[in-house]
Amino acid sequence: MAIKITDECINCGACEPECPNNAIYEGAVDWKASDGTSLKGKVVMKSGLTVDADDPQEPVSDDVYFIVTDKCTECIGFHEEPQCAAVCPVDCCIPDDDHVESEESLLEKKAFLHGE
């Protein structure tokens, strides 16, 4: 499953540089599918969202850091555990029960994001 950031987030930013998929953004900041990935042109994300990889997308949250579910692989294929959760000082990076995915699915998402 993807990871989400709860509203207990203190906006410290410790998680953002740790994400190998560039899936974490500061609140109110637009995100792009191409950030930290090899995605180019028109792409269909795992959720079915069709975007131009370089077009800015609306922020998921305006108040706290957020994780773009379509880019989160729980660090599968990169690290033993989600790095955002490992560095979060207030434990607000938690599994997102609304987006449960198997390890195989997360590895497929990693391959999609990074052109493997």
Protein backbone atom coordinates (compact mmCIF):
# COMPACT_ATOMS: atom_id res chain seq x y z
CA MET A 1 0.00 0.00 0.00
CA ALA A 2 1.09 3.57 -0.40
CA ILE A 3 2.14 5.72 2.52
CA LYS A 4 0.24 8.85 3.53
CA ILE A 5 1.14 11.82 5.70
CA THR A 6 -1.38 12.63 8.40
CA ASP A 7 -2.39 16.07 9.59
CA GLU A 8 -0.08 15.61 12.60
CA CYS A 9 2.73 16.61 10.20
CA ILE A 10 4.84 19.45 11.61
CA ASN A 11 6.13 20.44 8.14
CA CYS A 12 9.75 19.73 9.06
CA GLY A 13 10.53 18.44 5.56
CA ALA A 14 12.70 15.54 6.72
CA CYS A 15 10.79 13.09 4.53
CA GLU A 16 10.95 14.89 1.20
CA PRO A 17 14.62 14.32 0.27
CA GLU A 18 14.43 10.66 1.37
CA CYS A 19 11.86 9.61 -1.24
CA PRO A 20 13.46 7.74 -4.17
CA ASN A 21 10.41 8.47 -6.35
CA ASN A 22 10.08 12.16 -5.56
CA ALA A 23 6.52 11.42 -4.41
CA ILE A 24 6.58 13.78 -1.42
CA TYR A 25 5.75 17.47 -1.78
CA GLU A 26 5.38 20.43 0.52
CA GLY A 27 1.80 21.48 1.19
CA ALA A 28 0.25 23.73 -1.50
CA VAL A 29 3.01 22.88 -4.01
CA ASP A 30 2.03 21.53 -7.43
CA TRP A 31 3.46 18.12 -8.30
CA LYS A 32 4.59 16.60 -11.60
CA ALA A 33 4.68 12.96 -12.64
CA SER A 34 8.10 13.58 -14.18
CA ASP A 35 9.70 14.81 -10.94
CA GLY A 36 12.30 12.19 -9.97
CA THR A 37 11.06 9.68 -12.55
CA SER A 38 11.72 8.85 -16.20
CA LEU A 39 8.12 9.59 -17.21
CA LYS A 40 7.69 11.73 -20.31
CA GLY A 41 4.74 12.90 -22.38
CA LYS A 42 1.21 11.65 -21.84
CA VAL A 43 1.09 8.89 -19.22
CA VAL A 44 -1.65 6.95 -17.48
CA MET A 45 -0.85 6.62 -13.80
CA LYS A 46 -1.74 3.49 -11.81
CA SER A 47 -4.92 5.15 -10.51
CA GLY A 48 -6.07 5.74 -14.09
CA LEU A 49 -5.23 9.46 -13.97
CA THR A 50 -4.00 10.58 -17.39
CA VAL A 51 -1.50 13.44 -17.29
CA ASP A 52 1.28 15.03 -19.26
CA ALA A 53 4.29 14.09 -17.15
CA ASP A 54 5.60 17.66 -17.13
CA ASP A 55 2.31 19.43 -16.41
CA PRO A 56 1.85 20.69 -12.86
CA GLN A 57 -0.91 18.90 -10.94
CA GLU A 58 -2.99 20.25 -8.05
CA PRO A 59 -1.54 19.68 -4.57
CA VAL A 60 -3.08 16.89 -2.52
CA SER A 61 -2.87 19.07 0.60
CA ASP A 62 -2.53 22.79 1.14
CA ASP A 63 -1.53 22.54 4.80
CA VAL A 64 1.04 19.79 5.27
CA TYR A 65 3.48 17.72 3.23
CA PHE A 66 1.75 15.09 1.10
CA ILE A 67 2.56 11.94 -0.82
CA VAL A 68 1.36 11.39 -4.39
CA THR A 69 -0.09 7.89 -4.20
CA ASP A 70 0.59 7.22 -7.89
CA LYS A 71 4.31 7.75 -7.27
CA CYS A 72 4.67 5.99 -3.89
CA THR A 73 6.18 2.49 -3.94
CA GLU A 74 6.79 2.28 -0.17
CA CYS A 75 10.48 2.32 -1.20
CA ILE A 76 10.09 -1.29 -2.45
CA GLY A 77 13.06 -2.06 -4.71
CA PHE A 78 15.09 0.74 -3.12
CA HIS A 79 15.11 0.22 0.66
CA GLU A 80 13.98 -2.26 3.29
CA GLU A 81 11.36 0.15 4.71
CA PRO A 82 9.63 3.38 3.69
CA GLN A 83 12.25 6.06 4.24
CA CYS A 84 9.73 8.80 4.97
CA ALA A 85 8.43 6.82 7.95
CA ALA A 86 11.96 6.01 9.09
CA VAL A 87 12.97 9.69 9.35
CA CYS A 88 9.68 11.25 10.48
CA PRO A 89 10.11 12.70 13.98
CA VAL A 90 6.35 12.63 14.74
CA ASP A 91 5.43 9.30 13.09
CA CYS A 92 2.90 10.85 10.72
CA CYS A 93 3.98 8.81 7.65
CA ILE A 94 1.71 5.78 7.90
CA PRO A 95 0.29 3.09 5.59
CA ASP A 96 -2.66 4.34 3.54
CA ASP A 97 -5.41 1.78 4.01
CA ASP A 98 -7.28 3.32 1.06
CA HIS A 99 -4.48 2.34 -1.33
CA VAL A 100 -3.43 -1.22 -0.54
CA GLU A 101 -0.98 -2.73 -3.05
CA SER A 102 0.98 -5.99 -3.14
CA GLU A 103 4.77 -6.05 -3.26
CA GLU A 104 4.51 -7.23 -6.87
CA SER A 105 2.28 -4.27 -7.75
CA LEU A 106 4.67 -1.85 -6.05
CA LEU A 107 7.61 -3.30 -7.99
CA GLU A 108 5.61 -2.88 -11.23
CA LYS A 109 4.92 0.74 -10.28
CA LYS A 110 8.65 1.29 -9.61
CA ALA A 111 9.48 -0.14 -13.05
CA PHE A 112 6.84 2.09 -14.67
CA LEU A 113 8.12 5.23 -12.92
CA HIS A 114 11.77 4.59 -13.70
CA GLY A 115 11.57 2.99 -17.15
CA GLU A 116 12.89 -0.38 -16.10
